[in-house]
Amino acid sequence: MHRDIQLNQWNAVCSLDQIVPDTGVAALLNGRQVAVFRVGAAEPRLFAIDNYDPNSDAAVLSRGIVGSIGERVVVASPIYKQHFDLQTGECLEAPHHSVTSYPVRVEDGKVWVGA
C-alpha cells in the first residue's frame, strides 16, 4: 500500500554510477533504512522503498532480485521471496505487509530520495 509522506527534505544517497543496473543499495535516511533501486542501464529508472521486509522481520529488500510481474517492476525479498512493487511498495502476496515508497530523482549525477 502506497503511503503519502511529508517531504521534509531531499537526501543525497550516492552517485548514479554507484548503483549497478538492476540492483539496489541501502541508505539510512532520517533514521530509517531505505532501499534504492536502479532498473535499466541506458535509461535507468529509479525507485525507493523501505528496506525492511515485514514478512521476514529483516532489513534486506535492497539485496533482493529485481524483475517484473506483468507490467509491475518488483523486487523479490531474498528471504521468503515475496514481491514488492517498486513504484508503490505493495507486497503482492501479502498486501497487509506493504512498505512505504519514496520519490527519487537524479540531479548532477547524484541520486536523491525524498524523506
Protein backbone atom coordinates (compact mmCIF):
# COMPACT_ATOMS: atom_id res chain seq x y z
CA MET A 1 0.00 0.00 0.00
CA HIS A 2 1.42 3.36 -1.01
CA ARG A 3 1.58 5.80 1.87
CA ASP A 4 1.82 9.52 1.31
CA ILE A 5 4.80 11.01 3.08
CA GLN A 6 5.52 14.56 4.07
CA LEU A 7 8.65 15.67 2.23
CA ASN A 8 10.83 17.49 4.71
CA GLN A 9 13.96 17.25 2.63
CA TRP A 10 15.74 15.55 -0.23
CA ASN A 11 18.68 13.39 0.81
CA ALA A 12 21.69 12.61 -1.39
CA VAL A 13 22.25 8.84 -1.34
CA CYS A 14 25.11 8.16 -3.78
CA SER A 15 26.12 8.77 -7.36
CA LEU A 16 24.05 7.02 -10.01
CA ASP A 17 27.14 5.13 -11.18
CA GLN A 18 27.48 3.52 -7.75
CA ILE A 19 24.27 1.53 -8.23
CA VAL A 20 24.77 -1.43 -10.57
CA PRO A 21 21.87 -1.67 -13.06
CA ASP A 22 19.01 -3.89 -11.89
CA THR A 23 20.14 -3.92 -8.26
CA GLY A 24 19.57 -1.93 -5.10
CA VAL A 25 21.53 -0.25 -2.34
CA ALA A 26 20.55 0.55 1.24
CA ALA A 27 20.72 4.04 2.71
CA LEU A 28 19.96 5.43 6.15
CA LEU A 29 17.69 8.47 5.85
CA ASN A 30 16.45 10.24 8.95
CA GLY A 31 16.97 7.07 10.99
CA ARG A 32 15.06 4.88 8.53
CA GLN A 33 16.60 2.27 6.18
CA VAL A 34 15.57 2.85 2.58
CA ALA A 35 16.29 0.57 -0.41
CA VAL A 36 17.12 2.48 -3.61
CA PHE A 37 16.91 0.58 -6.92
CA ARG A 38 18.26 1.31 -10.37
CA VAL A 39 16.36 -0.50 -13.11
CA GLY A 40 17.93 -0.50 -16.57
CA ALA A 41 21.29 0.77 -17.78
CA ALA A 42 20.93 3.07 -20.79
CA GLU A 43 17.87 4.94 -19.48
CA PRO A 44 17.72 3.98 -15.81
CA ARG A 45 14.56 4.25 -13.74
CA LEU A 46 14.98 4.76 -10.01
CA PHE A 47 12.77 3.59 -7.18
CA ALA A 48 12.94 3.75 -3.38
CA ILE A 49 11.03 1.73 -0.79
CA ASP A 50 11.59 0.79 2.83
CA ASN A 51 14.46 -1.67 3.18
CA TYR A 52 12.64 -3.51 5.98
CA ASP A 53 10.77 -6.67 4.93
CA PRO A 54 7.87 -7.15 7.37
CA ASN A 55 7.41 -10.77 6.23
CA SER A 56 10.85 -11.82 7.48
CA ASP A 57 11.36 -9.07 10.09
CA ALA A 58 14.70 -8.16 8.48
CA ALA A 59 16.17 -5.16 6.62
CA VAL A 60 17.00 -6.99 3.37
CA LEU A 61 14.94 -5.66 0.45
CA SER A 62 17.91 -3.81 -1.10
CA ARG A 63 19.52 -7.25 -1.60
CA GLY A 64 16.52 -8.72 -3.39
CA ILE A 65 16.21 -9.78 -7.02
CA VAL A 66 14.76 -7.13 -9.34
CA GLY A 67 12.36 -8.25 -12.06
CA SER A 68 8.82 -7.80 -13.29
CA ILE A 69 5.44 -9.41 -12.88
CA GLY A 70 3.30 -8.32 -15.80
CA GLU A 71 3.73 -4.56 -16.09
CA ARG A 72 4.91 -4.18 -12.50
CA VAL A 73 8.58 -3.70 -11.64
CA VAL A 74 9.22 -5.64 -8.44
CA VAL A 75 11.88 -6.81 -6.03
CA ALA A 76 11.71 -10.31 -4.56
CA SER A 77 12.74 -10.41 -0.93
CA PRO A 78 15.85 -12.58 -0.51
CA ILE A 79 14.35 -14.39 2.49
CA TYR A 80 10.81 -15.62 1.72
CA LYS A 81 10.62 -14.31 -1.88
CA GLN A 82 7.55 -12.08 -1.52
CA HIS A 83 7.38 -9.50 -4.30
CA PHE A 84 7.23 -5.78 -3.59
CA ASP A 85 6.09 -3.32 -6.28
CA LEU A 86 8.91 -0.77 -6.58
CA GLN A 87 6.53 2.02 -7.60
CA THR A 88 4.03 1.66 -4.76
CA GLY A 89 5.65 -0.57 -2.11
CA GLU A 90 2.75 -3.03 -2.29
CA CYS A 91 3.55 -6.60 -1.25
CA LEU A 92 1.81 -8.64 -3.95
CA GLU A 93 1.40 -11.81 -1.91
CA ALA A 94 0.51 -10.13 1.41
CA PRO A 95 -0.82 -6.58 0.86
CA HIS A 96 -1.07 -6.05 4.62
CA HIS A 97 2.77 -6.25 4.64
CA SER A 98 3.26 -3.47 2.09
CA VAL A 99 6.03 -0.91 2.65
CA THR A 100 6.40 2.81 2.08
CA SER A 101 7.64 4.09 -1.28
CA TYR A 102 9.60 7.32 -1.68
CA PRO A 103 10.17 9.79 -4.52
CA VAL A 104 13.58 9.60 -6.21
CA ARG A 105 15.38 11.93 -8.59
CA VAL A 106 18.79 12.26 -10.22
CA GLU A 107 20.48 15.63 -10.24
CA ASP A 108 24.05 16.26 -11.45
CA GLY A 109 24.73 12.51 -11.41
CA LYS A 110 23.64 12.11 -7.77
CA VAL A 111 20.66 10.06 -6.58
CA TRP A 112 18.32 11.94 -4.22
CA VAL A 113 15.50 10.43 -2.14
CA GLY A 114 12.71 12.47 -0.58
CA ALA A 115 12.07 11.56 3.05
